[in-house]
Amino acid sequence: MPWNFGDILDAVEPVLPQDHPAFIHGARTVTLGQARAATNNLARALIARGAKPGDKIAIYMRNRPEYLMAVAAGWKARLTHVNVNYRYTPEEVWYIFDNSDAQTVVYASEFRDAVTQIRPRLPKVKTWVEVSEDGAIADFAEPFEALAAQGDGSALDIQRSGDDQFFIYTGGTTGMPKGVMWAHDDLREITLMAARKMGSVPETLEELAAHARTVGPQGRILPAPPLMHGTGLLTGMGVMLSGGTVITLEGARFDAEELLDAVDRHKPDSLVIVGDSFGTPILNALNAHPGRWDVSSIRMILSSGVMWSYEVKQGMLEHMPQAVLSDAFSSSEALGMGQSMMAKGMEVQTAKFMLGERCKVFDEHDQPVAPGSGVPGIVAIGPPNPVGYYKDEEKTARTFRIIGGVRYSIPGDWCVVEADGSLTLLGRGSACINTAGEKVFPEEVEEALKTHPSIEDALVIGLPDEKWGQSVTGVVRLVEGGALDEEALRSHVRKSLAGYKTPKRIVVADRNLRAANGKADYPAARASAESQL
């Protein structure tokens, strides 16, 4: 049967305890019954204001219950979710609203000024909904709280489709952000494929409702990265669809101590992070304050999107020996490419993953790469895959290609396939540096730099060079009290990498190297280097 997330919520929500916490945000709790009624009411209100199946609902706010409640309301009303990066400038936000053809916008009042500035240039947006934090509401908007409270909270009598779409806008690190178009049924099938390996799973809505009634709410998760990015959003969605509890942090910026306070207070069983950019501050806080927080509830830590080094994993397991660390190799347009699991006492090489069952690795001539050959290849993942990129047929054709009769998603990640069938990730081809005819993938140089005790974080870029074509350039953030010693760092890198991969120059970053989701901000690293060289 085709799955639709709105139908799943309609099946699961009524059979679970209505007083169970669906969302926890600081001292605030939204029960499952409250969330159910609010999202039904909001969905009905949006339809009454002209929203039609397939219309886009853009969500512009930091982590809070209203984000996922707006997502759920969109599903129930058959609207297509559009994520908006709250770190964007007003002009960049306008691009997302305009490019997605948003019909409804749900935003937090802290972004009221930005919305007011760009609204006259967005004639396609018919409904503005404001989540107020100061009691005021823009004169062109309607209050989220009031719309969610108007009505009897009953489920909508609406026929939905497994082809209803869900957009995940990319970060735009290699060009303007693009909307990755997923069908509900395809996203759900990826989840079921993994679950089937562990036993039988509900295959109909009736079976799902019976299962939910028997096992009760499932999962208690704390996603640390922003919900407006795929890692936090998809993991939070999964728990919401199981009637579990999603815990969000109140701070405008990630704070490891706030996270650990929330773990100590609310006892999540899972944490979601984005590699070392989140893992390192958490580890530093645990090391600095041993015994301050009870982290024994954590059974799983999930990461995706960036490097998560062995050293940081090992340190975290010293404090949480009961946990399993799951490092996923995925992207917005390619979910499930690979996975690396680590538990206490295990040694797992950084950037080494076991290939997912849907994955293949091809060379530049679309031929399979033989394990152990040492030949670099590009990772491709078979169906289910996205429909494509919204309003970009050219990029869709480049990324989603048919090889041997199978439609693969090929976002551009290069790797080496080891003799045991695992892959060692090299990096994204679009970021590859060509120096004197040699290819250098930034991620492997970054990882070598970060193993030096003086380095907190590092990004590597290629800068124009008359002699080399591009020169490998490191942009680093030092540990507190650390000093830059370029020659010592170069010598350190040479111990594990070829000489041509060693940075010709290394500078200390004069700005943040990471976006809010923890992913590398290469334009910022480039600007930092160019301002100093």
Protein backbone atom coordinates (compact mmCIF):
# COMPACT_ATOMS: atom_id res chain seq x y z
CA MET A 1 0.00 0.00 0.00
CA PRO A 2 1.25 3.56 -0.64
CA TRP A 3 2.12 5.42 2.55
CA ASN A 4 1.31 9.04 3.40
CA PHE A 5 2.62 10.68 6.56
CA GLY A 6 -0.69 12.39 7.24
CA ASP A 7 -2.46 9.02 7.14
CA ILE A 8 0.17 7.54 9.47
CA LEU A 9 -0.47 10.26 12.05
CA ASP A 10 -4.22 9.78 11.74
CA ALA A 11 -3.75 6.06 12.40
CA VAL A 12 -1.29 6.32 15.29
CA GLU A 13 -2.36 9.40 17.25
CA PRO A 14 -5.81 8.26 18.48
CA VAL A 15 -4.61 4.91 19.88
CA LEU A 16 -1.78 6.28 22.03
CA PRO A 17 -2.02 7.85 25.51
CA GLN A 18 -3.15 11.42 24.91
CA ASP A 19 -1.24 12.73 27.93
CA HIS A 20 2.10 11.38 26.66
CA PRO A 21 4.59 14.20 25.91
CA ALA A 22 4.96 14.72 22.16
CA PHE A 23 7.29 17.71 22.47
CA ILE A 24 9.45 19.09 25.27
CA HIS A 25 11.03 22.53 24.90
CA GLY A 26 12.67 23.78 28.08
CA ALA A 27 9.99 23.84 30.78
CA ARG A 28 7.21 23.56 28.19
CA THR A 29 5.51 20.27 27.31
CA VAL A 30 3.02 19.65 24.49
CA THR A 31 1.11 16.39 24.97
CA LEU A 32 0.22 14.06 22.15
CA GLY A 33 -3.44 14.95 22.52
CA GLN A 34 -2.68 18.67 22.35
CA ALA A 35 -0.44 18.23 19.31
CA ARG A 36 -3.04 16.06 17.58
CA ALA A 37 -5.81 18.63 18.01
CA ALA A 38 -3.58 21.60 17.16
CA THR A 39 -2.25 20.10 13.92
CA ASN A 40 -5.70 19.00 12.80
CA ASN A 41 -7.09 22.47 13.46
CA LEU A 42 -4.17 24.18 11.72
CA ALA A 43 -4.46 21.91 8.68
CA ARG A 44 -8.16 22.66 8.38
CA ALA A 45 -7.51 26.40 8.76
CA LEU A 46 -4.90 26.43 5.99
CA ILE A 47 -7.26 24.62 3.61
CA ALA A 48 -10.00 27.12 4.49
CA ARG A 49 -7.61 29.92 3.48
CA GLY A 50 -7.12 28.46 0.02
CA ALA A 51 -4.31 25.94 0.35
CA LYS A 52 -4.68 23.10 -2.13
CA PRO A 53 -2.97 19.67 -2.38
CA GLY A 54 0.60 20.18 -3.55
CA ASP A 55 0.86 23.79 -2.39
CA LYS A 56 4.08 24.59 -0.55
CA ILE A 57 4.27 25.40 3.18
CA ALA A 58 7.57 27.10 4.06
CA ILE A 59 8.68 26.94 7.71
CA TYR A 60 11.04 29.65 8.98
CA MET A 61 11.99 29.20 12.63
CA ARG A 62 14.50 27.70 15.03
CA ASN A 63 13.97 24.40 16.82
CA ARG A 64 10.71 24.40 18.76
CA PRO A 65 7.52 22.30 18.90
CA GLU A 66 5.78 24.52 16.34
CA TYR A 67 8.25 23.48 13.65
CA LEU A 68 7.23 19.82 13.65
CA MET A 69 3.62 20.72 14.38
CA ALA A 70 3.59 22.84 11.20
CA VAL A 71 5.17 19.91 9.32
CA ALA A 72 2.42 17.59 10.61
CA ALA A 73 -0.32 20.07 9.72
CA GLY A 74 1.12 20.33 6.23
CA TRP A 75 1.04 16.55 5.83
CA LYS A 76 -2.55 16.40 6.99
CA ALA A 77 -3.57 19.16 4.56
CA ARG A 78 -1.54 17.56 1.71
CA LEU A 79 0.89 20.49 1.56
CA THR A 80 4.57 20.20 0.62
CA HIS A 81 7.07 21.06 3.34
CA VAL A 82 9.80 23.61 2.52
CA ASN A 83 12.64 24.14 5.00
CA VAL A 84 14.12 27.62 5.38
CA ASN A 85 17.58 28.31 6.77
CA TYR A 86 17.07 30.88 9.55
CA ARG A 87 20.71 32.01 9.19
CA TYR A 88 20.04 33.31 5.69
CA THR A 89 19.86 36.99 4.87
CA PRO A 90 16.42 38.35 3.93
CA GLU A 91 17.40 38.18 0.25
CA GLU A 92 18.34 34.50 0.59
CA VAL A 93 15.09 33.78 2.43
CA TRP A 94 13.20 35.51 -0.37
CA TYR A 95 14.92 33.17 -2.84
CA ILE A 96 13.67 30.07 -0.98
CA PHE A 97 10.11 31.39 -0.73
CA ASP A 98 10.11 32.42 -4.39
CA ASN A 99 11.91 29.38 -5.80
CA SER A 100 9.63 26.97 -3.92
CA ASP A 101 6.45 28.83 -4.97
CA ALA A 102 5.41 28.92 -1.31
CA GLN A 103 1.68 29.50 -0.78
CA THR A 104 1.82 29.37 3.04
CA VAL A 105 4.61 30.62 5.31
CA VAL A 106 4.86 29.78 9.02
CA TYR A 107 7.52 31.87 10.74
CA ALA A 108 8.70 32.84 14.21
CA SER A 109 8.30 36.44 15.33
CA GLU A 110 12.06 36.93 15.70
CA PHE A 111 12.12 36.93 11.88
CA ARG A 112 9.21 39.34 11.52
CA ASP A 113 11.41 42.16 10.23
CA ALA A 114 12.91 39.98 7.51
CA VAL A 115 9.47 38.73 6.46
CA THR A 116 8.08 42.28 6.44
CA GLN A 117 10.97 43.39 4.21
CA ILE A 118 10.51 40.71 1.54
CA ARG A 119 6.73 40.15 1.66
CA PRO A 120 5.82 42.73 -1.05
CA ARG A 121 7.88 40.69 -3.53
CA LEU A 122 6.08 37.43 -2.79
CA PRO A 123 2.63 37.65 -4.39
CA LYS A 124 2.27 33.85 -4.43
CA VAL A 125 2.21 33.66 -0.63
CA LYS A 126 -1.44 33.83 0.39
CA THR A 127 -1.25 32.92 4.07
CA TRP A 128 1.27 34.13 6.66
CA VAL A 129 1.22 32.44 10.08
CA GLU A 130 3.30 33.86 12.91
CA VAL A 131 4.53 32.00 16.00
CA SER A 132 4.65 34.91 18.41
CA GLU A 133 7.32 35.15 21.08
CA ASP A 134 6.52 38.70 22.20
CA GLY A 135 2.71 38.76 22.18
CA ALA A 136 2.54 40.89 19.02
CA ILE A 137 1.52 39.75 15.54
CA ALA A 138 2.32 41.40 12.21
CA ASP A 139 -0.74 43.04 10.66
CA PHE A 140 -0.50 40.79 7.59
CA ALA A 141 -0.20 37.53 9.58
CA GLU A 142 -2.41 35.28 11.65
CA PRO A 143 -1.34 33.83 15.01
CA PHE A 144 -0.29 30.18 15.02
CA GLU A 145 -1.71 29.68 18.50
CA ALA A 146 -5.15 30.95 17.53
CA LEU A 147 -5.39 28.90 14.34
CA ALA A 148 -4.27 25.79 16.21
CA ALA A 149 -6.95 26.37 18.87
CA GLN A 150 -9.88 27.02 16.53
CA GLY A 151 -11.91 23.87 15.90
CA ASP A 152 -12.77 20.59 17.56
CA GLY A 153 -9.39 19.00 16.86
CA SER A 154 -10.88 16.14 14.87
CA ALA A 155 -9.06 14.44 12.02
CA LEU A 156 -9.65 15.74 8.51
CA ASP A 157 -11.87 13.73 6.20
CA ILE A 158 -9.43 13.88 3.29
CA GLN A 159 -8.06 11.42 0.73
CA ARG A 160 -4.27 11.56 0.59
CA SER A 161 -1.67 10.02 -1.73
CA GLY A 162 1.68 8.29 -1.35
CA ASP A 163 2.86 10.60 -4.14
CA ASP A 164 2.35 13.70 -1.98
CA GLN A 165 5.70 15.46 -1.84
CA PHE A 166 8.11 16.59 0.85
CA PHE A 167 10.89 19.05 -0.02
CA ILE A 168 14.32 19.24 1.58
CA TYR A 169 16.21 22.29 0.35
CA THR A 170 19.95 21.70 0.12
CA GLY A 171 22.45 23.99 1.85
CA GLY A 172 23.62 25.59 -1.38
CA THR A 173 27.34 24.94 -0.69
CA THR A 174 28.00 24.36 -4.41
CA GLY A 175 25.47 26.81 -5.87
CA MET A 176 22.01 28.11 -5.09
CA PRO A 177 19.93 25.87 -2.77
CA LYS A 178 17.77 23.35 -4.58
CA GLY A 179 14.57 21.68 -3.44
CA VAL A 180 15.00 17.90 -3.33
CA MET A 181 11.56 16.40 -4.07
CA TRP A 182 10.73 13.26 -2.08
CA ALA A 183 7.46 11.34 -2.34
CA HIS A 184 6.02 10.33 1.05
CA ASP A 185 5.86 6.67 0.03
CA ASP A 186 9.52 6.57 -1.02
CA LEU A 187 10.74 8.16 2.22
CA ARG A 188 8.62 5.74 4.22
CA GLU A 189 9.86 2.75 2.24
CA ILE A 190 13.49 3.56 3.11
CA THR A 191 12.55 3.42 6.80
CA LEU A 192 10.67 0.14 6.36
CA MET A 193 13.55 -1.44 4.44
CA ALA A 194 15.79 -0.94 7.47
CA ALA A 195 13.10 -2.08 9.93
CA ARG A 196 12.35 -5.28 8.01
CA LYS A 197 15.89 -6.51 8.69
CA MET A 198 14.99 -6.68 12.38
CA GLY A 199 11.72 -8.57 11.91
CA SER A 200 8.21 -8.13 10.62
CA VAL A 201 6.82 -4.60 10.37
CA PRO A 202 3.28 -3.24 9.90
CA GLU A 203 2.49 -3.11 6.19
CA THR A 204 -0.96 -1.49 6.39
CA LEU A 205 -2.47 1.38 8.37
CA GLU A 206 -4.63 -1.09 10.29
CA GLU A 207 -1.58 -3.14 11.26
CA LEU A 208 0.26 0.06 12.19
CA ALA A 209 -2.55 1.22 14.49
CA ALA A 210 -2.72 -2.20 16.16
CA HIS A 211 1.05 -2.21 16.62
CA ALA A 212 1.05 1.30 18.11
CA ARG A 213 -1.74 0.35 20.51
CA THR A 214 0.30 -2.65 21.69
CA VAL A 215 3.80 -1.14 22.02
CA GLY A 216 2.83 2.44 22.91
CA PRO A 217 4.85 5.60 22.11
CA GLN A 218 8.26 4.84 20.64
CA GLY A 219 11.40 6.90 21.10
CA ARG A 220 12.58 9.86 23.12
CA ILE A 221 14.98 11.87 20.99
CA LEU A 222 16.94 15.09 21.30
CA PRO A 223 17.98 16.47 17.89
CA ALA A 224 20.74 19.00 18.51
CA PRO A 225 21.11 20.29 14.92
CA PRO A 226 18.47 22.54 13.39
CA LEU A 227 15.21 20.96 12.30
CA MET A 228 15.47 23.05 9.15
CA HIS A 229 18.23 20.70 7.95
CA GLY A 230 17.81 17.07 6.95
CA THR A 231 19.63 15.35 9.82
CA GLY A 232 17.56 16.92 12.59
CA LEU A 233 14.36 17.00 10.58
CA LEU A 234 14.25 13.38 9.41
CA THR A 235 15.17 11.94 12.80
CA GLY A 236 12.63 14.15 14.56
CA MET A 237 9.98 13.17 12.01
CA GLY A 238 10.64 9.50 12.62
CA VAL A 239 9.96 9.77 16.33
CA MET A 240 6.91 12.01 15.79
CA LEU A 241 5.44 9.39 13.43
CA SER A 242 5.92 6.77 16.16
CA GLY A 243 4.14 8.86 18.79
CA GLY A 244 7.37 9.37 20.73
CA THR A 245 8.86 12.48 22.33
CA VAL A 246 10.98 15.10 20.56
CA ILE A 247 13.07 17.28 22.88
CA THR A 248 14.39 20.60 21.54
CA LEU A 249 16.85 23.10 22.98
CA GLU A 250 15.91 26.71 23.64
CA GLY A 251 19.22 28.43 22.88
CA ALA A 252 19.71 30.40 19.68
CA ARG A 253 23.11 28.72 19.27
CA PHE A 254 24.24 25.22 20.12
CA ASP A 255 25.49 24.99 23.70
CA ALA A 256 26.89 21.66 24.86
CA GLU A 257 26.09 22.36 28.50
CA GLU A 258 22.46 23.20 27.65
CA LEU A 259 22.24 19.90 25.77
CA LEU A 260 23.69 17.94 28.68
CA ASP A 261 21.37 19.71 31.12
CA ALA A 262 18.45 18.61 28.92
CA VAL A 263 19.75 15.03 28.81
CA ASP A 264 20.07 14.99 32.59
CA ARG A 265 16.55 16.41 33.05
CA HIS A 266 14.51 14.76 30.29
CA LYS A 267 16.31 11.41 29.81
CA PRO A 268 16.26 10.98 26.01
CA ASP A 269 17.29 7.57 24.73
CA SER A 270 18.77 9.03 21.52
CA LEU A 271 20.87 12.06 20.64
CA VAL A 272 21.26 13.48 17.14
CA ILE A 273 24.42 15.43 16.33
CA VAL A 274 26.42 16.40 13.24
CA GLY A 275 29.90 14.97 13.62
CA ASP A 276 32.78 16.60 15.44
CA SER A 277 31.29 20.09 15.30
CA PHE A 278 28.75 18.94 17.90
CA GLY A 279 30.61 15.95 19.33
CA THR A 280 33.77 17.85 20.29
CA PRO A 281 32.00 20.52 22.44
CA ILE A 282 29.94 17.78 24.14
CA LEU A 283 33.09 15.78 24.87
CA ASN A 284 34.92 18.87 26.13
CA ALA A 285 32.06 19.66 28.52
CA LEU A 286 31.96 16.09 29.83
CA ASN A 287 35.72 16.09 30.35
CA ALA A 288 35.65 19.46 32.11
CA HIS A 289 32.81 18.49 34.49
CA PRO A 290 33.05 14.76 35.21
CA GLY A 291 29.97 13.42 36.98
CA ARG A 292 27.96 16.63 36.61
CA TRP A 293 25.37 15.11 34.24
CA ASP A 294 23.55 11.78 34.25
CA VAL A 295 23.87 10.57 30.65
CA SER A 296 22.99 6.94 31.34
CA SER A 297 19.68 7.21 29.44
CA ILE A 298 21.47 7.55 26.09
CA ARG A 299 21.39 4.32 24.11
CA MET A 300 22.11 5.73 20.66
CA ILE A 301 23.91 8.76 19.23
CA LEU A 302 23.21 9.38 15.56
CA SER A 303 25.24 11.59 13.25
CA SER A 304 25.11 12.33 9.55
CA GLY A 305 26.52 14.75 7.04
CA VAL A 306 30.12 15.41 8.14
CA MET A 307 33.21 13.69 9.52
CA TRP A 308 32.89 12.21 13.01
CA SER A 309 36.40 11.29 14.08
CA TYR A 310 37.38 8.10 15.88
CA GLU A 311 39.04 10.09 18.65
CA VAL A 312 35.87 12.03 19.48
CA LYS A 313 33.73 8.87 19.28
CA GLN A 314 36.11 7.06 21.63
CA GLY A 315 36.05 9.95 24.11
CA MET A 316 32.25 10.11 24.12
CA LEU A 317 32.02 6.38 24.81
CA GLU A 318 34.21 6.80 27.88
CA HIS A 319 31.36 8.85 29.36
CA MET A 320 28.52 6.84 27.78
CA PRO A 321 29.78 3.24 27.61
CA GLN A 322 26.22 1.95 27.20
CA ALA A 323 25.67 3.88 23.95
CA VAL A 324 26.04 2.82 20.34
CA LEU A 325 27.30 5.45 17.91
CA SER A 326 25.71 5.42 14.46
CA ASP A 327 27.53 7.45 11.81
CA ALA A 328 25.42 7.68 8.65
CA PHE A 329 26.74 8.47 5.20
CA SER A 330 23.79 10.26 3.60
CA SER A 331 22.69 13.47 1.94
CA SER A 332 19.38 15.18 1.19
CA GLU A 333 19.15 13.44 -2.19
CA ALA A 334 20.77 10.13 -1.20
CA LEU A 335 19.62 8.52 2.04
CA GLY A 336 21.30 5.35 3.28
CA MET A 337 24.54 5.28 1.28
CA GLY A 338 26.50 3.78 4.16
CA GLN A 339 26.79 3.42 7.91
CA SER A 340 29.47 3.03 10.55
CA MET A 341 28.59 1.64 13.97
CA MET A 342 30.82 1.89 17.04
CA ALA A 343 30.43 0.72 20.62
CA LYS A 344 32.72 0.70 23.64
CA GLY A 345 35.88 -1.28 22.94
CA MET A 346 35.57 -1.12 19.15
CA GLU A 347 37.97 0.59 16.77
CA VAL A 348 36.39 2.12 13.69
CA GLN A 349 38.43 4.09 11.20
CA THR A 350 37.32 7.67 10.59
CA ALA A 351 35.37 8.09 7.34
CA LYS A 352 35.07 4.32 6.82
CA PHE A 353 31.55 3.03 6.17
CA MET A 354 29.86 -0.22 5.25
CA LEU A 355 28.02 0.19 1.96
CA GLY A 356 24.24 0.19 2.14
CA GLU A 357 22.41 -2.55 0.23
CA ARG A 358 21.17 -0.05 -2.36
CA CYS A 359 24.68 1.33 -3.01
CA LYS A 360 27.16 0.83 -5.82
CA VAL A 361 30.48 2.52 -6.56
CA PHE A 362 31.28 3.37 -10.18
CA ASP A 363 34.40 4.71 -11.87
CA GLU A 364 34.43 7.63 -14.29
CA HIS A 365 33.22 5.32 -17.07
CA ASP A 366 30.19 4.03 -15.10
CA GLN A 367 31.90 0.69 -14.48
CA PRO A 368 31.72 -0.94 -11.01
CA VAL A 369 34.85 -0.43 -8.91
CA ALA A 370 36.42 -3.69 -7.76
CA PRO A 371 36.90 -3.93 -3.97
CA GLY A 372 40.54 -3.61 -2.99
CA SER A 373 41.59 -2.16 -6.37
CA GLY A 374 42.49 1.23 -4.92
CA VAL A 375 40.64 2.92 -7.78
CA PRO A 376 38.65 5.96 -6.60
CA GLY A 377 34.97 5.75 -7.45
CA ILE A 378 31.79 7.74 -7.09
CA VAL A 379 29.01 6.52 -4.82
CA ALA A 380 25.59 5.82 -6.35
CA ILE A 381 22.46 4.73 -4.52
CA GLY A 382 19.56 2.93 -6.11
CA PRO A 383 15.82 3.36 -5.54
CA PRO A 384 13.80 4.52 -3.77
CA ASN A 385 15.15 7.97 -4.61
CA PRO A 386 13.83 11.52 -4.96
CA VAL A 387 11.72 12.61 -7.90
CA GLY A 388 14.43 15.19 -8.64
CA TYR A 389 15.22 18.84 -7.94
CA TYR A 390 12.32 21.28 -8.05
CA LYS A 391 12.34 23.37 -11.22
CA ASP A 392 15.84 22.25 -12.21
CA GLU A 393 15.73 19.59 -14.94
CA GLU A 394 19.42 20.05 -15.80
CA LYS A 395 20.67 19.33 -12.29
CA THR A 396 18.14 16.49 -11.96
CA ALA A 397 19.54 14.87 -15.09
CA ARG A 398 23.13 15.20 -13.79
CA THR A 399 22.42 13.75 -10.34
CA PHE A 400 19.81 11.08 -11.09
CA ARG A 401 21.19 8.85 -13.82
CA ILE A 402 20.29 5.44 -15.23
CA ILE A 403 23.15 2.95 -15.22
CA GLY A 404 22.51 -0.63 -16.26
CA GLY A 405 18.76 -0.02 -16.29
CA VAL A 406 18.69 1.28 -12.68
CA ARG A 407 18.00 4.93 -11.73
CA TYR A 408 20.68 6.00 -9.25
CA SER A 409 21.15 9.12 -7.17
CA ILE A 410 24.77 10.28 -7.57
CA PRO A 411 25.32 13.43 -5.48
CA GLY A 412 29.10 13.45 -6.10
CA ASP A 413 30.79 11.66 -3.18
CA TRP A 414 34.07 9.90 -4.00
CA CYS A 415 35.50 6.95 -2.12
CA VAL A 416 37.85 3.97 -2.24
CA VAL A 417 36.26 0.51 -1.90
CA GLU A 418 38.34 -1.63 0.46
CA ALA A 419 38.90 -5.36 0.05
CA ASP A 420 36.28 -6.12 2.73
CA GLY A 421 33.63 -4.21 0.79
CA SER A 422 33.65 -1.17 3.07
CA LEU A 423 34.29 2.28 1.67
CA THR A 424 36.66 4.99 2.81
CA LEU A 425 35.16 8.36 2.01
CA LEU A 426 37.38 10.81 0.15
CA GLY A 427 35.02 13.73 -0.23
CA ARG A 428 32.60 15.54 -2.54
CA GLY A 429 33.92 15.86 -6.07
CA SER A 430 32.69 19.45 -6.35
CA ALA A 431 35.12 20.43 -3.54
CA CYS A 432 38.05 18.47 -4.97
CA ILE A 433 41.30 20.45 -5.27
CA ASN A 434 43.47 19.98 -8.38
CA THR A 435 47.05 20.75 -7.44
CA ALA A 436 49.77 20.14 -10.07
CA GLY A 437 47.47 17.58 -11.74
CA GLU A 438 46.82 15.65 -8.51
CA LYS A 439 43.36 15.38 -6.95
CA VAL A 440 43.09 16.25 -3.27
CA PHE A 441 39.84 15.76 -1.37
CA PRO A 442 39.59 18.35 1.42
CA GLU A 443 38.02 16.00 3.99
CA GLU A 444 41.03 13.70 4.31
CA VAL A 445 43.39 16.65 4.84
CA GLU A 446 40.98 18.20 7.33
CA GLU A 447 40.87 14.97 9.28
CA ALA A 448 44.66 14.82 9.43
CA LEU A 449 44.86 18.41 10.66
CA LYS A 450 42.24 17.81 13.35
CA THR A 451 44.23 14.99 14.90
CA HIS A 452 46.89 17.52 15.95
CA PRO A 453 46.40 18.53 19.61
CA SER A 454 46.47 22.26 18.81
CA ILE A 455 43.55 22.11 16.34
CA GLU A 456 39.90 22.37 17.33
CA ASP A 457 38.52 22.43 13.77
CA ALA A 458 39.82 22.71 10.23
CA LEU A 459 38.61 23.20 6.67
CA VAL A 460 40.73 22.88 3.55
CA ILE A 461 40.25 24.77 0.29
CA GLY A 462 42.09 25.27 -2.99
CA LEU A 463 43.28 28.77 -3.81
CA PRO A 464 44.53 29.89 -7.25
CA ASP A 465 48.28 29.42 -7.62
CA GLU A 466 50.52 30.19 -10.62
CA LYS A 467 52.80 27.21 -9.97
CA TRP A 468 50.36 24.55 -8.73
CA GLY A 469 47.10 25.61 -10.38
CA GLN A 470 45.50 25.38 -6.96
CA SER A 471 47.34 25.39 -3.65
CA VAL A 472 46.05 23.29 -0.77
CA THR A 473 45.23 25.78 1.99
CA GLY A 474 44.22 24.98 5.56
CA VAL A 475 41.94 27.24 7.61
CA VAL A 476 41.99 26.19 11.26
CA ARG A 477 40.44 27.01 14.59
CA LEU A 478 42.85 26.52 17.48
CA VAL A 479 42.06 24.98 20.84
CA GLU A 480 41.88 27.43 23.70
CA GLY A 481 45.41 28.67 24.45
CA GLY A 482 46.77 27.09 21.26
CA ALA A 483 49.29 28.73 18.92
CA LEU A 484 49.73 28.33 15.19
CA ASP A 485 52.88 26.50 14.12
CA GLU A 486 52.54 25.97 10.38
CA GLU A 487 55.61 23.81 9.93
CA ALA A 488 54.67 21.53 12.83
CA LEU A 489 51.20 21.09 11.35
CA ARG A 490 52.58 20.33 7.90
CA SER A 491 54.94 17.75 9.37
CA HIS A 492 52.00 16.21 11.22
CA VAL A 493 49.96 15.92 8.03
CA ARG A 494 52.87 14.37 6.13
CA LYS A 495 52.96 11.49 8.59
CA SER A 496 49.64 10.17 7.26
CA LEU A 497 49.18 11.73 3.80
CA ALA A 498 51.17 12.16 0.61
CA GLY A 499 53.30 15.27 0.35
CA TYR A 500 51.16 16.89 -2.36
CA LYS A 501 48.18 16.78 0.00
CA THR A 502 50.01 18.80 2.67
CA PRO A 503 48.71 22.38 2.93
CA LYS A 504 51.02 24.95 1.36
CA ARG A 505 49.64 27.56 3.74
CA ILE A 506 47.69 27.37 7.00
CA VAL A 507 45.85 30.32 8.54
CA VAL A 508 43.75 30.79 11.66
CA ALA A 509 40.07 31.36 10.88
CA ASP A 510 38.79 34.87 11.54
CA ARG A 511 35.14 33.76 11.34
CA ASN A 512 32.90 30.78 12.04
CA LEU A 513 33.75 27.73 9.91
CA ARG A 514 30.47 25.91 10.48
CA ALA A 515 26.86 26.56 9.57
CA ALA A 516 24.14 26.11 12.20
CA ASN A 517 23.73 22.46 11.20
CA GLY A 518 27.42 21.76 11.85
CA LYS A 519 28.30 21.37 8.20
CA ALA A 520 31.38 22.97 6.68
CA ASP A 521 31.03 26.55 5.47
CA TYR A 522 33.63 26.53 2.70
CA PRO A 523 32.77 30.03 1.41
CA ALA A 524 33.53 31.38 4.90
CA ALA A 525 36.82 29.46 5.01
CA ARG A 526 37.76 30.84 1.59
CA ALA A 527 36.93 34.39 2.61
CA SER A 528 38.96 33.96 5.80
CA ALA A 529 41.99 32.68 3.88
CA GLU A 530 41.77 35.31 1.14
CA SER A 531 41.65 38.10 3.71
CA GLN A 532 44.94 36.94 5.22
CA LEU A 533 47.00 35.79 2.21
